[in-house]
Amino acid sequence: SSIFGSENFYYPFGPDSLRQVGDVWSYSTEKDLEARVGTDGYSGHQQVTTTITFKKIKVKKGKQIAILKMKLIISEEAIQLNWDDTSEIKVEGEFVGTAHYNITDGYIKLFKSSGSLKGINTNLSTDRAYSYVQNFDIKMKRKR
């Protein structure tokens, strides 16, 4: 899973989702990372934990729309190669958002999420470290 949605098209909000209003469920994914844009080499591990709350169902134009609140917690550790430098990367972040899922037709109608990633990049040759924050605000709207 990611902040942009899921690769699981049958159950986009987890393997056993959308049962009853008020349900809360979570799932975690872990993956090894072998590449990152803008680096000469990257080797790391990422863990994402997603918690979803099924808030309510709205009926709009005869279609049932599930309103879901989501929270993602991301943690990543890696070794990055850039030019002649090798760095250790540690990143943590939290995203909160809302998804509108069209139950009748089976697709994500709206997805909004915002959050930030906070990281520390330590040069392993010089032991110099710098911290950074990346803020995100994402909105996806789909019309059919």
N, C-alpha and C. Protein backbone atom coordinates (compact mmCIF):
# COMPACT_ATOMS: atom_id res chain seq x y z
N SER A 1 0.85 -1.18 0.00
CA SER A 1 0.00 0.00 0.00
C SER A 1 0.89 1.23 0.00
N SER A 2 0.32 2.32 -0.39
CA SER A 2 1.04 3.55 -0.43
C SER A 2 0.12 4.70 -0.18
N ILE A 3 0.68 5.91 -0.11
CA ILE A 3 -0.16 7.08 0.09
C ILE A 3 -1.05 7.35 -1.10
N PHE A 4 -0.80 6.72 -2.24
CA PHE A 4 -1.59 6.94 -3.45
C PHE A 4 -2.69 5.90 -3.60
N GLY A 5 -2.80 4.92 -2.72
CA GLY A 5 -3.82 3.90 -2.85
C GLY A 5 -3.19 2.53 -2.67
N SER A 6 -3.70 1.56 -3.40
CA SER A 6 -3.27 0.20 -3.22
C SER A 6 -3.14 -0.50 -4.55
N GLU A 7 -2.32 -1.54 -4.58
CA GLU A 7 -2.22 -2.37 -5.76
C GLU A 7 -3.32 -3.44 -5.78
N ASN A 8 -4.06 -3.57 -4.69
CA ASN A 8 -5.11 -4.57 -4.57
C ASN A 8 -6.43 -3.96 -5.05
N PHE A 9 -6.85 -4.32 -6.26
CA PHE A 9 -8.03 -3.71 -6.85
C PHE A 9 -9.34 -4.31 -6.35
N TYR A 10 -9.31 -5.54 -5.83
CA TYR A 10 -10.54 -6.14 -5.30
C TYR A 10 -10.86 -5.63 -3.91
N TYR A 11 -9.84 -5.47 -3.08
CA TYR A 11 -10.00 -4.95 -1.72
C TYR A 11 -8.98 -3.83 -1.53
N PRO A 12 -9.24 -2.63 -2.07
CA PRO A 12 -8.23 -1.57 -2.04
C PRO A 12 -7.90 -1.04 -0.65
N PHE A 13 -8.69 -1.39 0.35
CA PHE A 13 -8.45 -0.90 1.70
C PHE A 13 -8.12 -2.02 2.66
N GLY A 14 -7.56 -3.11 2.16
CA GLY A 14 -7.16 -4.22 2.99
C GLY A 14 -7.82 -5.50 2.54
N PRO A 15 -7.31 -6.64 3.01
CA PRO A 15 -7.76 -7.93 2.50
C PRO A 15 -9.17 -8.33 2.92
N ASP A 16 -9.75 -7.65 3.90
CA ASP A 16 -11.05 -8.08 4.41
C ASP A 16 -11.90 -6.86 4.74
N SER A 17 -11.94 -5.91 3.83
CA SER A 17 -12.47 -4.59 4.16
C SER A 17 -13.95 -4.42 3.82
N LEU A 18 -14.46 -3.27 4.24
CA LEU A 18 -15.82 -2.81 3.97
C LEU A 18 -16.90 -3.79 4.41
N ARG A 19 -16.92 -4.05 5.70
CA ARG A 19 -17.96 -4.90 6.26
C ARG A 19 -19.10 -4.08 6.84
N GLN A 20 -18.81 -3.31 7.89
CA GLN A 20 -19.86 -2.55 8.55
C GLN A 20 -19.35 -1.17 8.93
N VAL A 21 -20.26 -0.20 8.90
CA VAL A 21 -19.93 1.14 9.35
C VAL A 21 -19.46 1.06 10.80
N GLY A 22 -18.40 1.77 11.12
CA GLY A 22 -17.82 1.74 12.46
C GLY A 22 -16.64 0.82 12.59
N ASP A 23 -16.44 -0.08 11.64
CA ASP A 23 -15.29 -0.99 11.70
C ASP A 23 -13.99 -0.22 11.58
N VAL A 24 -12.99 -0.69 12.29
CA VAL A 24 -11.63 -0.16 12.20
C VAL A 24 -10.71 -1.35 11.95
N TRP A 25 -9.84 -1.23 10.96
CA TRP A 25 -8.91 -2.31 10.69
C TRP A 25 -7.58 -1.72 10.24
N SER A 26 -6.54 -2.52 10.37
CA SER A 26 -5.23 -2.06 9.93
C SER A 26 -4.47 -3.22 9.32
N TYR A 27 -3.49 -2.86 8.51
CA TYR A 27 -2.62 -3.84 7.91
C TYR A 27 -1.26 -3.20 7.67
N SER A 28 -0.24 -4.03 7.62
CA SER A 28 1.13 -3.54 7.42
C SER A 28 1.74 -4.20 6.20
N THR A 29 2.59 -3.43 5.52
CA THR A 29 3.36 -3.98 4.41
C THR A 29 4.82 -3.64 4.65
N GLU A 30 5.68 -4.54 4.25
CA GLU A 30 7.12 -4.33 4.33
C GLU A 30 7.72 -4.69 2.99
N LYS A 31 8.73 -3.90 2.59
CA LYS A 31 9.41 -4.24 1.34
C LYS A 31 10.84 -3.73 1.38
N ASP A 32 11.69 -4.46 0.67
CA ASP A 32 13.07 -4.06 0.49
C ASP A 32 13.13 -3.15 -0.73
N LEU A 33 13.91 -2.08 -0.62
CA LEU A 33 14.02 -1.11 -1.70
C LEU A 33 15.40 -1.22 -2.33
N GLU A 34 15.42 -1.22 -3.65
CA GLU A 34 16.68 -1.38 -4.38
C GLU A 34 17.06 -0.17 -5.20
N ALA A 35 16.16 0.79 -5.34
CA ALA A 35 16.45 1.97 -6.16
C ALA A 35 15.65 3.16 -5.65
N ARG A 36 16.18 4.35 -5.89
CA ARG A 36 15.49 5.57 -5.54
C ARG A 36 15.90 6.62 -6.58
N VAL A 37 14.95 7.34 -7.09
CA VAL A 37 15.21 8.36 -8.10
C VAL A 37 16.21 9.38 -7.56
N GLY A 38 17.20 9.73 -8.36
CA GLY A 38 18.18 10.73 -7.98
C GLY A 38 19.38 10.19 -7.24
N THR A 39 19.51 8.87 -7.12
CA THR A 39 20.66 8.28 -6.44
C THR A 39 21.39 7.35 -7.40
N ASP A 40 22.68 7.15 -7.11
CA ASP A 40 23.47 6.19 -7.90
C ASP A 40 23.24 4.77 -7.39
N GLY A 41 22.90 4.64 -6.14
CA GLY A 41 22.62 3.33 -5.55
C GLY A 41 21.79 3.52 -4.29
N TYR A 42 20.92 2.58 -4.03
CA TYR A 42 20.03 2.70 -2.87
C TYR A 42 19.66 1.30 -2.41
N SER A 43 19.80 1.04 -1.13
CA SER A 43 19.42 -0.25 -0.57
C SER A 43 18.78 0.01 0.78
N GLY A 44 17.51 -0.36 0.90
CA GLY A 44 16.83 -0.05 2.15
C GLY A 44 15.64 -0.95 2.42
N HIS A 45 14.97 -0.63 3.51
CA HIS A 45 13.79 -1.39 3.93
C HIS A 45 12.72 -0.40 4.38
N GLN A 46 11.49 -0.63 3.95
CA GLN A 46 10.38 0.26 4.27
C GLN A 46 9.23 -0.53 4.90
N GLN A 47 8.62 0.05 5.92
CA GLN A 47 7.43 -0.53 6.54
C GLN A 47 6.33 0.53 6.55
N VAL A 48 5.13 0.13 6.13
CA VAL A 48 3.97 1.03 6.12
C VAL A 48 2.84 0.34 6.88
N THR A 49 2.29 1.04 7.87
CA THR A 49 1.13 0.53 8.60
C THR A 49 -0.04 1.46 8.30
N THR A 50 -1.13 0.88 7.83
CA THR A 50 -2.33 1.63 7.45
C THR A 50 -3.47 1.26 8.38
N THR A 51 -4.12 2.28 8.94
CA THR A 51 -5.31 2.07 9.77
C THR A 51 -6.47 2.81 9.10
N ILE A 52 -7.58 2.09 8.95
CA ILE A 52 -8.74 2.63 8.25
C ILE A 52 -9.97 2.53 9.14
N THR A 53 -10.76 3.60 9.15
CA THR A 53 -12.02 3.63 9.88
C THR A 53 -13.15 3.83 8.88
N PHE A 54 -14.09 2.91 8.87
CA PHE A 54 -15.26 2.98 7.98
C PHE A 54 -16.27 3.90 8.67
N LYS A 55 -16.34 5.18 8.24
CA LYS A 55 -17.14 6.19 8.91
C LYS A 55 -18.64 6.08 8.62
N LYS A 56 -18.99 6.04 7.33
CA LYS A 56 -20.41 6.01 6.99
C LYS A 56 -20.59 5.68 5.51
N ILE A 57 -21.85 5.50 5.13
CA ILE A 57 -22.21 5.31 3.72
C ILE A 57 -23.15 6.44 3.32
N LYS A 58 -22.83 7.10 2.22
CA LYS A 58 -23.70 8.12 1.64
C LYS A 58 -24.26 7.57 0.34
N VAL A 59 -25.47 7.98 0.01
CA VAL A 59 -26.05 7.63 -1.29
C VAL A 59 -26.05 8.90 -2.13
N LYS A 60 -25.37 8.84 -3.27
CA LYS A 60 -25.26 9.99 -4.14
C LYS A 60 -25.57 9.54 -5.56
N LYS A 61 -26.62 10.13 -6.13
CA LYS A 61 -27.08 9.77 -7.49
C LYS A 61 -27.35 8.28 -7.61
N GLY A 62 -27.93 7.71 -6.55
CA GLY A 62 -28.28 6.29 -6.55
C GLY A 62 -27.12 5.34 -6.31
N LYS A 63 -25.94 5.85 -6.05
CA LYS A 63 -24.75 5.02 -5.82
C LYS A 63 -24.38 5.07 -4.35
N GLN A 64 -23.98 3.92 -3.79
CA GLN A 64 -23.52 3.87 -2.40
C GLN A 64 -22.04 4.23 -2.35
N ILE A 65 -21.73 5.24 -1.52
CA ILE A 65 -20.37 5.72 -1.38
C ILE A 65 -19.92 5.50 0.07
N ALA A 66 -18.86 4.71 0.26
CA ALA A 66 -18.29 4.50 1.59
C ALA A 66 -17.32 5.63 1.88
N ILE A 67 -17.46 6.25 3.06
CA ILE A 67 -16.56 7.30 3.51
C ILE A 67 -15.58 6.67 4.50
N LEU A 68 -14.30 6.72 4.19
CA LEU A 68 -13.27 6.08 4.99
C LEU A 68 -12.24 7.10 5.46
N LYS A 69 -11.86 7.02 6.71
CA LYS A 69 -10.76 7.83 7.26
C LYS A 69 -9.53 6.93 7.32
N MET A 70 -8.39 7.47 6.92
CA MET A 70 -7.19 6.66 6.83
C MET A 70 -6.02 7.33 7.54
N LYS A 71 -5.14 6.49 8.08
CA LYS A 71 -3.90 6.97 8.69
C LYS A 71 -2.79 6.00 8.29
N LEU A 72 -1.71 6.54 7.74
CA LEU A 72 -0.56 5.74 7.33
C LEU A 72 0.66 6.19 8.12
N ILE A 73 1.40 5.22 8.63
CA ILE A 73 2.66 5.49 9.31
C ILE A 73 3.76 4.79 8.52
N ILE A 74 4.76 5.58 8.11
CA ILE A 74 5.81 5.08 7.24
C ILE A 74 7.14 5.17 7.97
N SER A 75 7.94 4.12 7.83
CA SER A 75 9.29 4.09 8.40
C SER A 75 10.22 3.48 7.37
N GLU A 76 11.38 4.11 7.17
CA GLU A 76 12.32 3.62 6.16
C GLU A 76 13.74 3.85 6.62
N GLU A 77 14.60 2.85 6.40
CA GLU A 77 16.03 2.97 6.66
C GLU A 77 16.75 2.47 5.44
N ALA A 78 17.85 3.19 5.06
CA ALA A 78 18.54 2.82 3.83
C ALA A 78 19.98 3.32 3.82
N ILE A 79 20.75 2.77 2.89
CA ILE A 79 22.07 3.26 2.55
C ILE A 79 21.97 3.80 1.13
N GLN A 80 22.45 5.01 0.94
CA GLN A 80 22.32 5.70 -0.36
C GLN A 80 23.71 6.08 -0.88
N LEU A 81 23.93 5.86 -2.17
CA LEU A 81 25.17 6.25 -2.83
C LEU A 81 24.89 7.39 -3.79
N ASN A 82 25.64 8.48 -3.64
CA ASN A 82 25.56 9.63 -4.54
C ASN A 82 26.97 10.09 -4.84
N TRP A 83 27.35 10.07 -6.08
CA TRP A 83 28.69 10.45 -6.49
C TRP A 83 29.70 9.65 -5.69
N ASP A 84 30.49 10.33 -4.86
CA ASP A 84 31.50 9.62 -4.05
C ASP A 84 31.06 9.48 -2.60
N ASP A 85 29.85 9.87 -2.27
CA ASP A 85 29.38 9.85 -0.90
C ASP A 85 28.46 8.66 -0.64
N THR A 86 28.59 8.11 0.55
CA THR A 86 27.69 7.07 1.03
C THR A 86 26.99 7.63 2.27
N SER A 87 25.68 7.54 2.29
CA SER A 87 24.91 8.10 3.39
C SER A 87 23.95 7.08 3.97
N GLU A 88 23.69 7.24 5.25
CA GLU A 88 22.65 6.46 5.92
C GLU A 88 21.41 7.35 5.99
N ILE A 89 20.28 6.81 5.59
CA ILE A 89 19.02 7.55 5.56
C ILE A 89 18.05 6.91 6.55
N LYS A 90 17.43 7.75 7.37
CA LYS A 90 16.34 7.30 8.25
C LYS A 90 15.18 8.26 8.06
N VAL A 91 14.02 7.71 7.71
CA VAL A 91 12.84 8.52 7.42
C VAL A 91 11.65 7.96 8.18
N GLU A 92 10.86 8.86 8.76
CA GLU A 92 9.59 8.48 9.38
C GLU A 92 8.55 9.50 8.97
N GLY A 93 7.32 9.03 8.82
CA GLY A 93 6.27 9.95 8.43
C GLY A 93 4.90 9.46 8.81
N GLU A 94 3.97 10.39 8.78
CA GLU A 94 2.58 10.08 9.08
C GLU A 94 1.69 10.86 8.11
N PHE A 95 0.71 10.16 7.56
CA PHE A 95 -0.25 10.76 6.65
C PHE A 95 -1.65 10.45 7.13
N VAL A 96 -2.55 11.42 7.02
CA VAL A 96 -3.96 11.21 7.32
C VAL A 96 -4.76 11.62 6.10
N GLY A 97 -5.88 10.93 5.89
CA GLY A 97 -6.66 11.25 4.71
C GLY A 97 -8.06 10.68 4.76
N THR A 98 -8.76 10.93 3.67
CA THR A 98 -10.13 10.48 3.48
C THR A 98 -10.24 9.84 2.10
N ALA A 99 -11.00 8.76 2.04
CA ALA A 99 -11.28 8.14 0.74
C ALA A 99 -12.78 7.96 0.60
N HIS A 100 -13.27 8.20 -0.59
CA HIS A 100 -14.66 7.92 -0.95
C HIS A 100 -14.63 6.78 -1.94
N TYR A 101 -15.19 5.65 -1.53
CA TYR A 101 -15.16 4.44 -2.35
C TYR A 101 -16.57 4.14 -2.84
N ASN A 102 -16.74 4.10 -4.16
CA ASN A 102 -18.03 3.79 -4.77
C ASN A 102 -18.26 2.28 -4.65
N ILE A 103 -19.09 1.89 -3.68
CA ILE A 103 -19.36 0.47 -3.44
C ILE A 103 -20.14 -0.12 -4.60
N THR A 104 -21.06 0.64 -5.15
CA THR A 104 -21.93 0.15 -6.23
C THR A 104 -21.11 -0.25 -7.45
N ASP A 105 -20.18 0.61 -7.87
CA ASP A 105 -19.41 0.36 -9.09
C ASP A 105 -18.00 -0.16 -8.82
N GLY A 106 -17.54 -0.14 -7.57
CA GLY A 106 -16.26 -0.72 -7.21
C GLY A 106 -15.03 0.06 -7.60
N TYR A 107 -14.99 1.37 -7.31
CA TYR A 107 -13.79 2.15 -7.60
C TYR A 107 -13.63 3.28 -6.59
N ILE A 108 -12.40 3.76 -6.44
CA ILE A 108 -12.12 4.89 -5.55
C ILE A 108 -12.51 6.16 -6.28
N LYS A 109 -13.46 6.87 -5.73
CA LYS A 109 -13.99 8.09 -6.35
C LYS A 109 -13.17 9.33 -5.97
N LEU A 110 -12.73 9.38 -4.71
CA LEU A 110 -11.97 10.52 -4.21
C LEU A 110 -10.98 10.04 -3.16
N PHE A 111 -9.78 10.59 -3.22
CA PHE A 111 -8.77 10.26 -2.23
C PHE A 111 -8.01 11.54 -1.90
N LYS A 112 -8.00 11.93 -0.62
CA LYS A 112 -7.26 13.11 -0.16
C LYS A 112 -6.37 12.67 0.99
N SER A 113 -5.13 13.14 0.97
CA SER A 113 -4.21 12.78 2.03
C SER A 113 -3.19 13.91 2.21
N SER A 114 -2.77 14.11 3.44
CA SER A 114 -1.71 15.07 3.71
C SER A 114 -0.85 14.54 4.84
N GLY A 115 0.40 14.96 4.83
CA GLY A 115 1.31 14.52 5.87
C GLY A 115 2.71 14.96 5.57
N SER A 116 3.65 14.43 6.34
CA SER A 116 5.04 14.81 6.14
C SER A 116 5.96 13.63 6.42
N LEU A 117 7.10 13.68 5.77
CA LEU A 117 8.18 12.74 6.02
C LEU A 117 9.33 13.52 6.66
N LYS A 118 9.83 13.01 7.77
CA LYS A 118 10.95 13.64 8.46
C LYS A 118 12.12 12.69 8.38
N GLY A 119 13.25 13.22 7.91
CA GLY A 119 14.39 12.35 7.71
C GLY A 119 15.68 12.90 8.24
N ILE A 120 16.64 11.99 8.42
CA ILE A 120 18.00 12.34 8.80
C ILE A 120 18.92 11.65 7.79
N ASN A 121 19.81 12.43 7.19
CA ASN A 121 20.77 11.93 6.22
C ASN A 121 22.15 12.11 6.84
N THR A 122 22.85 11.00 7.08
CA THR A 122 24.17 11.05 7.70
C THR A 122 25.21 10.56 6.72
N ASN A 123 26.18 11.42 6.39
CA ASN A 123 27.29 11.05 5.51
C ASN A 123 28.21 10.12 6.30
N LEU A 124 28.42 8.91 5.82
CA LEU A 124 29.19 7.93 6.57
C LEU A 124 30.70 8.22 6.53
N SER A 125 31.17 9.03 5.60
CA SER A 125 32.59 9.38 5.54
C SER A 125 32.95 10.48 6.52
N THR A 126 32.08 11.47 6.64
CA THR A 126 32.38 12.65 7.47
C THR A 126 31.58 12.70 8.76
N ASP A 127 30.60 11.86 8.91
CA ASP A 127 29.67 11.85 10.05
C ASP A 127 28.84 13.13 10.14
N ARG A 128 28.82 13.93 9.08
CA ARG A 128 27.95 15.11 9.05
C ARG A 128 26.53 14.64 8.79
N ALA A 129 25.61 15.21 9.53
CA ALA A 129 24.21 14.84 9.38
C ALA A 129 23.36 16.08 9.17
N TYR A 130 22.32 15.92 8.39
CA TYR A 130 21.34 16.99 8.27
C TYR A 130 19.95 16.37 8.28
N SER A 131 19.03 17.13 8.83
CA SER A 131 17.65 16.66 8.89
C SER A 131 16.82 17.46 7.90
N TYR A 132 15.72 16.88 7.49
CA TYR A 132 14.84 17.52 6.52
C TYR A 132 13.41 17.08 6.75
N VAL A 133 12.50 17.88 6.22
CA VAL A 133 11.07 17.57 6.27
C VAL A 133 10.50 17.77 4.88
N GLN A 134 9.72 16.80 4.42
CA GLN A 134 9.01 16.90 3.15
C GLN A 134 7.52 16.87 3.46
N ASN A 135 6.80 17.92 3.08
CA ASN A 135 5.35 17.99 3.30
C ASN A 135 4.62 17.63 2.02
N PHE A 136 3.53 16.89 2.15
CA PHE A 136 2.74 16.45 1.01
C PHE A 136 1.27 16.77 1.23
N ASP A 137 0.61 17.11 0.17
CA ASP A 137 -0.84 17.30 0.16
C ASP A 137 -1.32 16.74 -1.17
N ILE A 138 -2.06 15.66 -1.13
CA ILE A 138 -2.42 14.93 -2.34
C ILE A 138 -3.94 14.83 -2.46
N LYS A 139 -4.44 15.07 -3.66
CA LYS A 139 -5.86 14.91 -3.92
C LYS A 139 -6.03 14.23 -5.28
N MET A 140 -6.81 13.16 -5.29
CA MET A 140 -7.12 12.45 -6.51
C MET A 140 -8.64 12.36 -6.63
N LYS A 141 -9.17 12.81 -7.72
CA LYS A 141 -10.61 12.74 -7.95
C LYS A 141 -10.83 12.04 -9.28
N ARG A 142 -11.73 11.08 -9.26
CA ARG A 142 -11.99 10.28 -10.45
C ARG A 142 -13.44 10.40 -10.85
N LYS A 143 -13.67 10.64 -12.12
CA LYS A 143 -15.04 10.72 -12.63
C LYS A 143 -15.25 9.58 -13.61
N ARG A 144 -16.45 9.07 -13.58
CA ARG A 144 -16.80 7.98 -14.51
C ARG A 144 -18.06 8.35 -15.22
